Amino acid sequence: MTKSIVAEKSYRFAIRVINLYKLLCESKKEYVLSKQLLRSGTAIGALLKEAEHAQSKPDFLNKVNIALKEANEVLYWLMLLKDTDYISQKEFDSIAIDAEELIKMLVSIVKTTKTNLGK
């Protein structure tokens, strides 16, 4: 069985977030904002992994919705890191594109699941 595209992307995104966290801690000595980014950025994939074995469609929907909220939160921490000069605009743009792509995919899954639940 193959992994879903969103699961693969969320895993690769988590690796990028972990690497950014390590860089921020080592080179910028920034620990608070980067820890929040680490938590929310890695939670997306973990929640999707949980959703694979959801007990019901509503449980699945709930887990994907929380993953969506975490992905949106990632953008907040990235904006703060950019606007306080911990990361450059170029660094922000690079990772924010991935976060926004994940958000779009998760929104689509949520909408489709809600539609299917209504039938």
PDB file of N, CA and C in Angstrom:
ATOM      1  N   MET A   1       0.850  -1.182   0.000  1.00  0.00           N
ATOM      2  CA  MET A   1       0.000   0.000   0.000  1.00  0.00           C
ATOM      3  C   MET A   1       0.894   1.243   0.000  1.00  0.00           C
ATOM      4  N   THR A   2       0.536   2.239  -0.785  1.00  0.00           N
ATOM      5  CA  THR A   2       1.339   3.455  -0.860  1.00  0.00           C
ATOM      6  C   THR A   2       0.830   4.499   0.124  1.00  0.00           C
ATOM      7  N   LYS A   3       1.763   5.358   0.538  1.00  0.00           N
ATOM      8  CA  LYS A   3       1.388   6.459   1.426  1.00  0.00           C
ATOM      9  C   LYS A   3       0.605   7.502   0.639  1.00  0.00           C
ATOM     10  N   SER A   4      -0.208   8.245   1.339  1.00  0.00           N
ATOM     11  CA  SER A   4      -0.923   9.331   0.674  1.00  0.00           C
ATOM     12  C   SER A   4       0.051  10.478   0.398  1.00  0.00           C
ATOM     13  N   ILE A   5      -0.277  11.259  -0.576  1.00  0.00           N
ATOM     14  CA  ILE A   5       0.573  12.399  -0.944  1.00  0.00           C
ATOM     15  C   ILE A   5       0.679  13.370   0.226  1.00  0.00           C
ATOM     16  N   VAL A   6      -0.435  13.649   0.890  1.00  0.00           N
ATOM     17  CA  VAL A   6      -0.415  14.598   2.003  1.00  0.00           C
ATOM     18  C   VAL A   6       0.419  14.049   3.170  1.00  0.00           C
ATOM     19  N   ALA A   7       0.390  12.744   3.391  1.00  0.00           N
ATOM     20  CA  ALA A   7       1.209  12.148   4.454  1.00  0.00           C
ATOM     21  C   ALA A   7       2.691  12.284   4.121  1.00  0.00           C
ATOM     22  N   GLU A   8       3.043  12.030   2.868  1.00  0.00           N
ATOM     23  CA  GLU A   8       4.437  12.169   2.443  1.00  0.00           C
ATOM     24  C   GLU A   8       4.903  13.621   2.564  1.00  0.00           C
ATOM     25  N   LYS A   9       4.073  14.548   2.104  1.00  0.00           N
ATOM     26  CA  LYS A   9       4.439  15.959   2.167  1.00  0.00           C
ATOM     27  C   LYS A   9       4.560  16.443   3.620  1.00  0.00           C
ATOM     28  N   SER A  10       3.673  15.974   4.485  1.00  0.00           N
ATOM     29  CA  SER A  10       3.736  16.399   5.878  1.00  0.00           C
ATOM     30  C   SER A  10       4.985  15.842   6.560  1.00  0.00           C
ATOM     31  N   TYR A  11       5.404  14.646   6.167  1.00  0.00           N
ATOM     32  CA  TYR A  11       6.625  14.056   6.724  1.00  0.00           C
ATOM     33  C   TYR A  11       7.857  14.854   6.273  1.00  0.00           C
ATOM     34  N   ARG A  12       7.927  15.144   4.980  1.00  0.00           N
ATOM     35  CA  ARG A  12       9.052  15.943   4.461  1.00  0.00           C
ATOM     36  C   ARG A  12       9.049  17.344   5.080  1.00  0.00           C
ATOM     37  N   PHE A  13       7.848  17.894   5.290  1.00  0.00           N
ATOM     38  CA  PHE A  13       7.732  19.209   5.917  1.00  0.00           C
ATOM     39  C   PHE A  13       8.251  19.157   7.351  1.00  0.00           C
ATOM     40  N   ALA A  14       7.909  18.106   8.080  1.00  0.00           N
ATOM     41  CA  ALA A  14       8.379  17.960   9.461  1.00  0.00           C
ATOM     42  C   ALA A  14       9.903  17.918   9.504  1.00  0.00           C
ATOM     43  N   ILE A  15      10.515  17.245   8.550  1.00  0.00           N
ATOM     44  CA  ILE A  15      11.983  17.196   8.492  1.00  0.00           C
ATOM     45  C   ILE A  15      12.551  18.593   8.266  1.00  0.00           C
ATOM     46  N   ARG A  16      11.929  19.364   7.379  1.00  0.00           N
ATOM     47  CA  ARG A  16      12.383  20.748   7.156  1.00  0.00           C
ATOM     48  C   ARG A  16      12.252  21.584   8.428  1.00  0.00           C
ATOM     49  N   VAL A  17      11.145  21.408   9.143  1.00  0.00           N
ATOM     50  CA  VAL A  17      10.916  22.152  10.381  1.00  0.00           C
ATOM     51  C   VAL A  17      11.966  21.765  11.427  1.00  0.00           C
ATOM     52  N   ILE A  18      12.250  20.485  11.543  1.00  0.00           N
ATOM     53  CA  ILE A  18      13.266  20.022  12.499  1.00  0.00           C
ATOM     54  C   ILE A  18      14.625  20.630  12.164  1.00  0.00           C
ATOM     55  N   ASN A  19      14.972  20.632  10.893  1.00  0.00           N
ATOM     56  CA  ASN A  19      16.258  21.213  10.489  1.00  0.00           C
ATOM     57  C   ASN A  19      16.314  22.718  10.758  1.00  0.00           C
ATOM     58  N   LEU A  20      15.209  23.413  10.527  1.00  0.00           N
ATOM     59  CA  LEU A  20      15.153  24.844  10.824  1.00  0.00           C
ATOM     60  C   LEU A  20      15.269  25.070  12.324  1.00  0.00           C
ATOM     61  N   TYR A  21      14.596  24.242  13.107  1.00  0.00           N
ATOM     62  CA  TYR A  21      14.685  24.328  14.570  1.00  0.00           C
ATOM     63  C   TYR A  21      16.128  24.174  15.034  1.00  0.00           C
ATOM     64  N   LYS A  22      16.815  23.170  14.514  1.00  0.00           N
ATOM     65  CA  LYS A  22      18.215  22.946  14.902  1.00  0.00           C
ATOM     66  C   LYS A  22      19.081  24.150  14.526  1.00  0.00           C
ATOM     67  N   LEU A  23      18.858  24.689  13.337  1.00  0.00           N
ATOM     68  CA  LEU A  23      19.614  25.858  12.889  1.00  0.00           C
ATOM     69  C   LEU A  23      19.360  27.062  13.790  1.00  0.00           C
ATOM     70  N   LEU A  24      18.106  27.306  14.117  1.00  0.00           N
ATOM     71  CA  LEU A  24      17.757  28.449  14.963  1.00  0.00           C
ATOM     72  C   LEU A  24      18.361  28.314  16.361  1.00  0.00           C
ATOM     73  N   CYS A  25      18.356  27.112  16.892  1.00  0.00           N
ATOM     74  CA  CYS A  25      18.928  26.893  18.228  1.00  0.00           C
ATOM     75  C   CYS A  25      20.448  27.031  18.208  1.00  0.00           C
ATOM     76  N   GLU A  26      21.081  26.454  17.200  1.00  0.00           N
ATOM     77  CA  GLU A  26      22.543  26.442  17.148  1.00  0.00           C
ATOM     78  C   GLU A  26      23.135  27.783  16.739  1.00  0.00           C
ATOM     79  N   SER A  27      22.598  28.384  15.694  1.00  0.00           N
ATOM     80  CA  SER A  27      23.244  29.592  15.170  1.00  0.00           C
ATOM     81  C   SER A  27      22.649  30.896  15.693  1.00  0.00           C
ATOM     82  N   LYS A  28      21.365  30.895  16.016  1.00  0.00           N
ATOM     83  CA  LYS A  28      20.716  32.134  16.461  1.00  0.00           C
ATOM     84  C   LYS A  28      20.409  32.142  17.959  1.00  0.00           C
ATOM     85  N   LYS A  29      20.618  31.011  18.607  1.00  0.00           N
ATOM     86  CA  LYS A  29      20.309  30.865  20.043  1.00  0.00           C
ATOM     87  C   LYS A  29      18.861  31.256  20.342  1.00  0.00           C
ATOM     88  N   GLU A  30      17.973  30.887  19.419  1.00  0.00           N
ATOM     89  CA  GLU A  30      16.545  31.158  19.585  1.00  0.00           C
ATOM     90  C   GLU A  30      15.873  29.845  19.952  1.00  0.00           C
ATOM     91  N   TYR A  31      15.208  29.834  21.113  1.00  0.00           N
ATOM     92  CA  TYR A  31      14.658  28.582  21.623  1.00  0.00           C
ATOM     93  C   TYR A  31      13.134  28.590  21.804  1.00  0.00           C
ATOM     94  N   VAL A  32      12.535  29.739  21.996  1.00  0.00           N
ATOM     95  CA  VAL A  32      11.112  29.788  22.342  1.00  0.00           C
ATOM     96  C   VAL A  32      10.226  29.679  21.099  1.00  0.00           C
ATOM     97  N   LEU A  33      10.379  30.598  20.160  1.00  0.00           N
ATOM     98  CA  LEU A  33       9.557  30.569  18.950  1.00  0.00           C
ATOM     99  C   LEU A  33       9.830  29.305  18.140  1.00  0.00           C
ATOM    100  N   SER A  34      11.095  28.938  18.060  1.00  0.00           N
ATOM    101  CA  SER A  34      11.451  27.758  17.269  1.00  0.00           C
ATOM    102  C   SER A  34      10.875  26.478  17.874  1.00  0.00           C
ATOM    103  N   LYS A  35      10.759  26.429  19.192  1.00  0.00           N
ATOM    104  CA  LYS A  35      10.154  25.258  19.848  1.00  0.00           C
ATOM    105  C   LYS A  35       8.670  25.155  19.501  1.00  0.00           C
ATOM    106  N   GLN A  36       7.996  26.305  19.450  1.00  0.00           N
ATOM    107  CA  GLN A  36       6.584  26.325  19.055  1.00  0.00           C
ATOM    108  C   GLN A  36       6.433  25.863  17.598  1.00  0.00           C
ATOM    109  N   LEU A  37       7.339  26.336  16.747  1.00  0.00           N
ATOM    110  CA  LEU A  37       7.335  25.928  15.343  1.00  0.00           C
ATOM    111  C   LEU A  37       7.558  24.420  15.237  1.00  0.00           C
ATOM    112  N   LEU A  38       8.512  23.909  16.010  1.00  0.00           N
ATOM    113  CA  LEU A  38       8.808  22.477  16.008  1.00  0.00           C
ATOM    114  C   LEU A  38       7.575  21.670  16.405  1.00  0.00           C
ATOM    115  N   ARG A  39       6.903  22.108  17.465  1.00  0.00           N
ATOM    116  CA  ARG A  39       5.731  21.393  17.955  1.00  0.00           C
ATOM    117  C   ARG A  39       4.619  21.354  16.904  1.00  0.00           C
ATOM    118  N   SER A  40       4.272  22.515  16.365  1.00  0.00           N
ATOM    119  CA  SER A  40       3.162  22.550  15.405  1.00  0.00           C
ATOM    120  C   SER A  40       3.554  21.943  14.060  1.00  0.00           C
ATOM    121  N   GLY A  41       4.790  22.137  13.641  1.00  0.00           N
ATOM    122  CA  GLY A  41       5.230  21.619  12.347  1.00  0.00           C
ATOM    123  C   GLY A  41       5.340  20.109  12.284  1.00  0.00           C
ATOM    124  N   THR A  42       5.647  19.488  13.419  1.00  0.00           N
ATOM    125  CA  THR A  42       5.730  18.029  13.440  1.00  0.00           C
ATOM    126  C   THR A  42       4.381  17.390  13.789  1.00  0.00           C
ATOM    127  N   ALA A  43       3.494  18.158  14.391  1.00  0.00           N
ATOM    128  CA  ALA A  43       2.182  17.630  14.773  1.00  0.00           C
ATOM    129  C   ALA A  43       1.318  17.307  13.552  1.00  0.00           C
ATOM    130  N   ILE A  44       1.521  18.007  12.465  1.00  0.00           N
ATOM    131  CA  ILE A  44       0.692  17.805  11.275  1.00  0.00           C
ATOM    132  C   ILE A  44       0.757  16.346  10.826  1.00  0.00           C
ATOM    133  N   GLY A  45       1.957  15.863  10.600  1.00  0.00           N
ATOM    134  CA  GLY A  45       2.131  14.481  10.153  1.00  0.00           C
ATOM    135  C   GLY A  45       1.683  13.470  11.187  1.00  0.00           C
ATOM    136  N   ALA A  46       1.946  13.769  12.461  1.00  0.00           N
ATOM    137  CA  ALA A  46       1.530  12.855  13.527  1.00  0.00           C
ATOM    138  C   ALA A  46       0.007  12.706  13.552  1.00  0.00           C
ATOM    139  N   LEU A  47      -0.682  13.810  13.381  1.00  0.00           N
ATOM    140  CA  LEU A  47      -2.148  13.766  13.365  1.00  0.00           C
ATOM    141  C   LEU A  47      -2.676  13.011  12.146  1.00  0.00           C
ATOM    142  N   LEU A  48      -2.020  13.197  11.021  1.00  0.00           N
ATOM    143  CA  LEU A  48      -2.434  12.452   9.827  1.00  0.00           C
ATOM    144  C   LEU A  48      -2.182  10.961   9.999  1.00  0.00           C
ATOM    145  N   LYS A  49      -1.095  10.626  10.682  1.00  0.00           N
ATOM    146  CA  LYS A  49      -0.810   9.217  10.975  1.00  0.00           C
ATOM    147  C   LYS A  49      -1.907   8.640  11.874  1.00  0.00           C
ATOM    148  N   GLU A  50      -2.310   9.411  12.878  1.00  0.00           N
ATOM    149  CA  GLU A  50      -3.421   8.984  13.743  1.00  0.00           C
ATOM    150  C   GLU A  50      -4.699   8.797  12.930  1.00  0.00           C
ATOM    151  N   ALA A  51      -4.942   9.699  11.993  1.00  0.00           N
ATOM    152  CA  ALA A  51      -6.172   9.660  11.197  1.00  0.00           C
ATOM    153  C   ALA A  51      -6.256   8.401  10.342  1.00  0.00           C
ATOM    154  N   GLU A  52      -5.111   7.807  10.011  1.00  0.00           N
ATOM    155  CA  GLU A  52      -5.119   6.573   9.210  1.00  0.00           C
ATOM    156  C   GLU A  52      -5.908   5.465   9.901  1.00  0.00           C
ATOM    157  N   HIS A  53      -5.928   5.474  11.214  1.00  0.00           N
ATOM    158  CA  HIS A  53      -6.636   4.438  11.965  1.00  0.00           C
ATOM    159  C   HIS A  53      -7.732   5.041  12.839  1.00  0.00           C
ATOM    160  N   ALA A  54      -8.377   6.045  12.295  1.00  0.00           N
ATOM    161  CA  ALA A  54      -9.480   6.684  13.020  1.00  0.00           C
ATOM    162  C   ALA A  54     -10.587   5.667  13.277  1.00  0.00           C
ATOM    163  N   GLN A  55     -11.305   5.862  14.351  1.00  0.00           N
ATOM    164  CA  GLN A  55     -12.363   4.934  14.746  1.00  0.00           C
ATOM    165  C   GLN A  55     -13.629   5.114  13.917  1.00  0.00           C
ATOM    166  N   SER A  56     -13.758   6.293  13.312  1.00  0.00           N
ATOM    167  CA  SER A  56     -14.948   6.586  12.514  1.00  0.00           C
ATOM    168  C   SER A  56     -14.637   7.750  11.584  1.00  0.00           C
ATOM    169  N   LYS A  57     -15.552   8.018  10.674  1.00  0.00           N
ATOM    170  CA  LYS A  57     -15.382   9.185   9.782  1.00  0.00           C
ATOM    171  C   LYS A  57     -15.316  10.494  10.577  1.00  0.00           C
ATOM    172  N   PRO A  58     -16.203  10.686  11.585  1.00  0.00           N
ATOM    173  CA  PRO A  58     -16.086  11.911  12.384  1.00  0.00           C
ATOM    174  C   PRO A  58     -14.747  12.010  13.127  1.00  0.00           C
ATOM    175  N   ASP A  59     -14.221  10.881  13.596  1.00  0.00           N
ATOM    176  CA  ASP A  59     -12.914  10.873  14.264  1.00  0.00           C
ATOM    177  C   ASP A  59     -11.823  11.258  13.267  1.00  0.00           C
ATOM    178  N   PHE A  60     -11.905  10.707  12.055  1.00  0.00           N
ATOM    179  CA  PHE A  60     -10.967  11.055  10.985  1.00  0.00           C
ATOM    180  C   PHE A  60     -11.018  12.557  10.703  1.00  0.00           C
ATOM    181  N   LEU A  61     -12.233  13.061  10.551  1.00  0.00           N
ATOM    182  CA  LEU A  61     -12.423  14.481  10.274  1.00  0.00           C
ATOM    183  C   LEU A  61     -11.828  15.351  11.382  1.00  0.00           C
ATOM    184  N   ASN A  62     -12.049  14.952  12.613  1.00  0.00           N
ATOM    185  CA  ASN A  62     -11.519  15.699  13.745  1.00  0.00           C
ATOM    186  C   ASN A  62      -9.990  15.763  13.698  1.00  0.00           C
ATOM    187  N   LYS A  63      -9.332  14.648  13.438  1.00  0.00           N
ATOM    188  CA  LYS A  63      -7.874  14.611  13.406  1.00  0.00           C
ATOM    189  C   LYS A  63      -7.318  15.456  12.250  1.00  0.00           C
ATOM    190  N   VAL A  64      -7.957  15.371  11.096  1.00  0.00           N
ATOM    191  CA  VAL A  64      -7.501  16.166   9.951  1.00  0.00           C
ATOM    192  C   VAL A  64      -7.742  17.653  10.211  1.00  0.00           C
ATOM    193  N   ASN A  65      -8.854  17.984  10.845  1.00  0.00           N
ATOM    194  CA  ASN A  65      -9.121  19.382  11.205  1.00  0.00           C
ATOM    195  C   ASN A  65      -8.054  19.926  12.151  1.00  0.00           C
ATOM    196  N   ILE A  66      -7.642  19.118  13.112  1.00  0.00           N
ATOM    197  CA  ILE A  66      -6.591  19.560  14.044  1.00  0.00           C
ATOM    198  C   ILE A  66      -5.271  19.714  13.303  1.00  0.00           C
ATOM    199  N   ALA A  67      -4.982  18.808  12.373  1.00  0.00           N
ATOM    200  CA  ALA A  67      -3.773  18.934  11.554  1.00  0.00           C
ATOM    201  C   ALA A  67      -3.802  20.242  10.762  1.00  0.00           C
ATOM    202  N   LEU A  68      -4.960  20.598  10.248  1.00  0.00           N
ATOM    203  CA  LEU A  68      -5.135  21.861   9.526  1.00  0.00           C
ATOM    204  C   LEU A  68      -4.848  23.053  10.434  1.00  0.00           C
ATOM    205  N   LYS A  69      -5.353  23.013  11.651  1.00  0.00           N
ATOM    206  CA  LYS A  69      -5.095  24.099  12.607  1.00  0.00           C
ATOM    207  C   LYS A  69      -3.605  24.215  12.916  1.00  0.00           C
ATOM    208  N   GLU A  70      -2.944  23.078  13.061  1.00  0.00           N
ATOM    209  CA  GLU A  70      -1.500  23.081  13.332  1.00  0.00           C
ATOM    210  C   GLU A  70      -0.733  23.673  12.145  1.00  0.00           C
ATOM    211  N   ALA A  71      -1.137  23.321  10.940  1.00  0.00           N
ATOM    212  CA  ALA A  71      -0.476  23.849   9.744  1.00  0.00           C
ATOM    213  C   ALA A  71      -0.646  25.366   9.661  1.00  0.00           C
ATOM    214  N   ASN A  72      -1.825  25.840  10.009  1.00  0.00           N
ATOM    215  CA  ASN A  72      -2.063  27.278  10.018  1.00  0.00           C
ATOM    216  C   ASN A  72      -1.218  27.956  11.096  1.00  0.00           C
ATOM    217  N   GLU A  73      -1.086  27.298  12.248  1.00  0.00           N
ATOM    218  CA  GLU A  73      -0.271  27.844  13.330  1.00  0.00           C
ATOM    219  C   GLU A  73       1.201  27.955  12.918  1.00  0.00           C
ATOM    220  N   VAL A  74       1.661  27.002  12.118  1.00  0.00           N
ATOM    221  CA  VAL A  74       3.040  27.043  11.617  1.00  0.00           C
ATOM    222  C   VAL A  74       3.311  28.380  10.925  1.00  0.00           C
ATOM    223  N   LEU A  75       2.360  28.815  10.110  1.00  0.00           N
ATOM    224  CA  LEU A  75       2.544  30.085   9.393  1.00  0.00           C
ATOM    225  C   LEU A  75       2.707  31.248  10.362  1.00  0.00           C
ATOM    226  N   TYR A  76       1.989  31.215  11.460  1.00  0.00           N
ATOM    227  CA  TYR A  76       2.108  32.271  12.474  1.00  0.00           C
ATOM    228  C   TYR A  76       3.531  32.318  13.039  1.00  0.00           C
ATOM    229  N   TRP A  77       4.056  31.166  13.440  1.00  0.00           N
ATOM    230  CA  TRP A  77       5.409  31.129  14.015  1.00  0.00           C
ATOM    231  C   TRP A  77       6.446  31.525  12.967  1.00  0.00           C
ATOM    232  N   LEU A  78       6.242  31.105  11.728  1.00  0.00           N
ATOM    233  CA  LEU A  78       7.178  31.494  10.668  1.00  0.00           C
ATOM    234  C   LEU A  78       7.162  33.005  10.436  1.00  0.00           C
ATOM    235  N   MET A  79       5.977  33.603  10.452  1.00  0.00           N
ATOM    236  CA  MET A  79       5.884  35.061  10.282  1.00  0.00           C
ATOM    237  C   MET A  79       6.593  35.784  11.425  1.00  0.00           C
ATOM    238  N   LEU A  80       6.394  35.305  12.640  1.00  0.00           N
ATOM    239  CA  LEU A  80       7.083  35.919  13.783  1.00  0.00           C
ATOM    240  C   LEU A  80       8.595  35.796  13.653  1.00  0.00           C
ATOM    241  N   LEU A  81       9.057  34.627  13.249  1.00  0.00           N
ATOM    242  CA  LEU A  81      10.504  34.432  13.076  1.00  0.00           C
ATOM    243  C   LEU A  81      11.059  35.349  11.989  1.00  0.00           C
ATOM    244  N   LYS A  82      10.289  35.523  10.933  1.00  0.00           N
ATOM    245  CA  LYS A  82      10.719  36.417   9.844  1.00  0.00           C
ATOM    246  C   LYS A  82      10.710  37.874  10.303  1.00  0.00           C
ATOM    247  N   ASP A  83       9.630  38.275  10.935  1.00  0.00           N
ATOM    248  CA  ASP A  83       9.472  39.677  11.307  1.00  0.00           C
ATOM    249  C   ASP A  83      10.351  40.104  12.474  1.00  0.00           C
ATOM    250  N   THR A  84      10.969  39.140  13.151  1.00  0.00           N
ATOM    251  CA  THR A  84      11.939  39.456  14.217  1.00  0.00           C
ATOM    252  C   THR A  84      13.365  39.139  13.770  1.00  0.00           C
ATOM    253  N   ASP A  85      13.517  38.940  12.465  1.00  0.00           N
ATOM    254  CA  ASP A  85      14.830  38.746  11.831  1.00  0.00           C
ATOM    255  C   ASP A  85      15.588  37.496  12.252  1.00  0.00           C
ATOM    256  N   TYR A  86      14.869  36.464  12.672  1.00  0.00           N
ATOM    257  CA  TYR A  86      15.525  35.184  12.930  1.00  0.00           C
ATOM    258  C   TYR A  86      15.690  34.384  11.649  1.00  0.00           C
ATOM    259  N   ILE A  87      14.747  34.579  10.709  1.00  0.00           N
ATOM    260  CA  ILE A  87      14.896  33.975   9.389  1.00  0.00           C
ATOM    261  C   ILE A  87      14.703  35.073   8.343  1.00  0.00           C
ATOM    262  N   SER A  88      15.322  34.875   7.200  1.00  0.00           N
ATOM    263  CA  SER A  88      15.239  35.856   6.114  1.00  0.00           C
ATOM    264  C   SER A  88      13.923  35.690   5.353  1.00  0.00           C
ATOM    265  N   GLN A  89      13.632  36.682   4.535  1.00  0.00           N
ATOM    266  CA  GLN A  89      12.441  36.602   3.681  1.00  0.00           C
ATOM    267  C   GLN A  89      12.543  35.393   2.770  1.00  0.00           C
ATOM    268  N   LYS A  90      13.735  35.138   2.245  1.00  0.00           N
ATOM    269  CA  LYS A  90      13.948  34.004   1.345  1.00  0.00           C
ATOM    270  C   LYS A  90      13.699  32.683   2.069  1.00  0.00           C
ATOM    271  N   GLU A  91      14.199  32.555   3.287  1.00  0.00           N
ATOM    272  CA  GLU A  91      13.972  31.341   4.077  1.00  0.00           C
ATOM    273  C   GLU A  91      12.484  31.176   4.375  1.00  0.00           C
ATOM    274  N   PHE A  92      11.851  32.285   4.743  1.00  0.00           N
ATOM    275  CA  PHE A  92      10.415  32.265   5.021  1.00  0.00           C
ATOM    276  C   PHE A  92       9.635  31.799   3.798  1.00  0.00           C
ATOM    277  N   ASP A  93       9.917  32.423   2.657  1.00  0.00           N
ATOM    278  CA  ASP A  93       9.190  32.087   1.432  1.00  0.00           C
ATOM    279  C   ASP A  93       9.335  30.607   1.091  1.00  0.00           C
ATOM    280  N   SER A  94      10.532  30.089   1.259  1.00  0.00           N
ATOM    281  CA  SER A  94      10.806  28.704   0.909  1.00  0.00           C
ATOM    282  C   SER A  94       9.951  27.726   1.716  1.00  0.00           C
ATOM    283  N   ILE A  95       9.886  27.911   3.013  1.00  0.00           N
ATOM    284  CA  ILE A  95       9.150  26.958   3.850  1.00  0.00           C
ATOM    285  C   ILE A  95       7.656  27.294   3.927  1.00  0.00           C
ATOM    286  N   ALA A  96       7.309  28.571   3.810  1.00  0.00           N
ATOM    287  CA  ALA A  96       5.902  28.971   3.861  1.00  0.00           C
ATOM    288  C   ALA A  96       5.127  28.406   2.673  1.00  0.00           C
ATOM    289  N   ILE A  97       5.780  28.288   1.533  1.00  0.00           N
ATOM    290  CA  ILE A  97       5.124  27.700   0.357  1.00  0.00           C
ATOM    291  C   ILE A  97       4.689  26.271   0.665  1.00  0.00           C
ATOM    292  N   ASP A  98       5.563  25.527   1.332  1.00  0.00           N
ATOM    293  CA  ASP A  98       5.222  24.153   1.697  1.00  0.00           C
ATOM    294  C   ASP A  98       4.069  24.115   2.699  1.00  0.00           C
ATOM    295  N   ALA A  99       4.100  25.024   3.658  1.00  0.00           N
ATOM    296  CA  ALA A  99       3.024  25.077   4.663  1.00  0.00           C
ATOM    297  C   ALA A  99       1.691  25.413   3.994  1.00  0.00           C
ATOM    298  N   GLU A 100       1.704  26.369   3.096  1.00  0.00           N
ATOM    299  CA  GLU A 100       0.475  26.756   2.406  1.00  0.00           C
ATOM    300  C   GLU A 100      -0.061  25.637   1.520  1.00  0.00           C
ATOM    301  N   GLU A 101       0.846  24.885   0.909  1.00  0.00           N
ATOM    302  CA  GLU A 101       0.428  23.742   0.092  1.00  0.00           C
ATOM    303  C   GLU A 101      -0.240  22.681   0.971  1.00  0.00           C
ATOM    304  N   LEU A 102       0.340  22.421   2.135  1.00  0.00           N
ATOM    305  CA  LEU A 102      -0.264  21.472   3.071  1.00  0.00           C
ATOM    306  C   LEU A 102      -1.650  21.955   3.513  1.00  0.00           C
ATOM    307  N   ILE A 103      -1.759  23.237   3.791  1.00  0.00           N
ATOM    308  CA  ILE A 103      -3.051  23.800   4.210  1.00  0.00           C
ATOM    309  C   ILE A 103      -4.109  23.576   3.129  1.00  0.00           C
ATOM    310  N   LYS A 104      -3.750  23.842   1.896  1.00  0.00           N
ATOM    311  CA  LYS A 104      -4.706  23.651   0.797  1.00  0.00           C
ATOM    312  C   LYS A 104      -5.143  22.195   0.686  1.00  0.00           C
ATOM    313  N   MET A 105      -4.193  21.283   0.833  1.00  0.00           N
ATOM    314  CA  MET A 105      -4.515  19.856   0.749  1.00  0.00           C
ATOM    315  C   MET A 105      -5.428  19.440   1.904  1.00  0.00           C
ATOM    316  N   LEU A 106      -5.120  19.926   3.096  1.00  0.00           N
ATOM    317  CA  LEU A 106      -5.924  19.574   4.271  1.00  0.00           C
ATOM    318  C   LEU A 106      -7.324  20.167   4.183  1.00  0.00           C
ATOM    319  N   VAL A 107      -7.444  21.389   3.689  1.00  0.00           N
ATOM    320  CA  VAL A 107      -8.763  21.999   3.493  1.00  0.00           C
ATOM    321  C   VAL A 107      -9.589  21.145   2.531  1.00  0.00           C
ATOM    322  N   SER A 108      -8.964  20.681   1.476  1.00  0.00           N
ATOM    323  CA  SER A 108      -9.657  19.837   0.500  1.00  0.00           C
ATOM    324  C   SER A 108     -10.143  18.534   1.137  1.00  0.00           C
ATOM    325  N   ILE A 109      -9.286  17.917   1.947  1.00  0.00           N
ATOM    326  CA  ILE A 109      -9.670  16.669   2.623  1.00  0.00           C
ATOM    327  C   ILE A 109     -10.841  16.921   3.573  1.00  0.00           C
ATOM    328  N   VAL A 110     -10.773  18.019   4.321  1.00  0.00           N
ATOM    329  CA  VAL A 110     -11.849  18.352   5.263  1.00  0.00           C
ATOM    330  C   VAL A 110     -13.162  18.571   4.515  1.00  0.00           C
ATOM    331  N   LYS A 111     -13.118  19.347   3.445  1.00  0.00           N
ATOM    332  CA  LYS A 111     -14.346  19.623   2.675  1.00  0.00           C
ATOM    333  C   LYS A 111     -14.935  18.347   2.083  1.00  0.00           C
ATOM    334  N   THR A 112     -14.084  17.518   1.507  1.00  0.00           N
ATOM    335  CA  THR A 112     -14.550  16.265   0.909  1.00  0.00           C
ATOM    336  C   THR A 112     -15.155  15.349   1.966  1.00  0.00           C
ATOM    337  N   THR A 113     -14.487  15.249   3.100  1.00  0.00           N
ATOM    338  CA  THR A 113     -14.979  14.381   4.180  1.00  0.00           C
ATOM    339  C   THR A 113     -16.309  14.900   4.717  1.00  0.00           C
ATOM    340  N   LYS A 114     -16.431  16.212   4.884  1.00  0.00           N
ATOM    341  CA  LYS A 114     -17.697  16.783   5.371  1.00  0.00           C
ATOM    342  C   LYS A 114     -18.821  16.494   4.369  1.00  0.00           C
ATOM    343  N   THR A 115     -18.525  16.631   3.084  1.00  0.00           N
ATOM    344  CA  THR A 115     -19.513  16.352   2.046  1.00  0.00           C
ATOM    345  C   THR A 115     -19.958  14.903   2.106  1.00  0.00           C
ATOM    346  N   ASN A 116     -18.982  13.999   2.258  1.00  0.00           N
ATOM    347  CA  ASN A 116     -19.293  12.563   2.307  1.00  0.00           C
ATOM    348  C   ASN A 116     -20.049  12.190   3.575  1.00  0.00           C
ATOM    349  N   LEU A 117     -19.809  12.899   4.659  1.00  0.00           N
ATOM    350  CA  LEU A 117     -20.542  12.625   5.900  1.00  0.00           C
ATOM    351  C   LEU A 117     -21.996  13.046   5.784  1.00  0.00           C
ATOM    352  N   GLY A 118     -22.241  14.087   4.971  1.00  0.00           N
ATOM    353  CA  GLY A 118     -23.594  14.601   4.803  1.00  0.00           C
ATOM    354  C   GLY A 118     -24.484  13.703   3.970  1.00  0.00           C
ATOM    355  N   LYS A 119     -23.895  12.753   3.257  1.00  0.00           N
ATOM    356  CA  LYS A 119     -24.696  11.875   2.374  1.00  0.00           C
ATOM    357  C   LYS A 119     -25.371  10.778   3.140  1.00  0.00           C
TER     358      LYS A 119
END
